[in-house]
Amino acid sequence: MKTGPKYKVARRLGANIFEKTQTQKFALSAERREKKGRGRAPSEFGKQLLEKQKVRISYGLSEKQFANYVKEAMMTKGASPAETLHRLLELRLDNVIYRMGLAKTRRAARQMVSHGHVTVDGVKTTIPSRRVYLGDRIAVREGSRSSAMYAGFAERFMENTLPSWLSWNPKAMEGGVAVMPTAESASPAGDLAMVLSFYSR
């Protein structure tokens, strides 16, 4: 997915959505630019658009992919559209891999899945957008565990904090979704209510 120059996009969205912009130097630079460029407040539409772009780019989705998730969330009966959208985004396989700490970024997690390093219930999958369900067993493919990418992973994993909605056994290199993610256990990338308002106008 092409997003344009990362620093420019991150400054416009006002969020550290890329790994390379998650530095103190960038944060100070963005703050100075914000103070210098303060003027007329953005319209409600402008705020909604920024939130939509922030969430979409954070998860690395195309406009069409993201719009499909929003449509599904808004059509789901008996549930809050915002909560449903959050779960749909969090339960993508590439995002679950990222949340588990197997990859430093969602982009790296997407590549990991695309290159066939991950199995779901013992079957290799190369579809990053695959939806993960309760009970699915996610693992690093046996043939990939000896690669340099995972050397000393069990030790490194102990330094990370695993989200409460996920389970992971670093020695067996497998885990899954323990409970459904919520806004408390998996912070949304933006204001999902505003995102839904953008698509509802």
Foldseek 3Di string as FASTA:
>chain_A
DDDPPPLVLCLVLVHPLDPVCPDPVNVVVSVVVCVVPDDDDDDLLVVLVSQLVQQCVSLPHDPVVLVVLLVVLVPDPPDHSLFSSQLLSCQQQLNLCCLLVLDVGSVVSLVCLLVFQKDWQLHTHNGRRDGFDPPIKIFGDPVCCPDPSNVCVLVVSVVDDHQPQWDADSVRRITGGNHGDGCVRPPRSGDSVSNSVSVVD
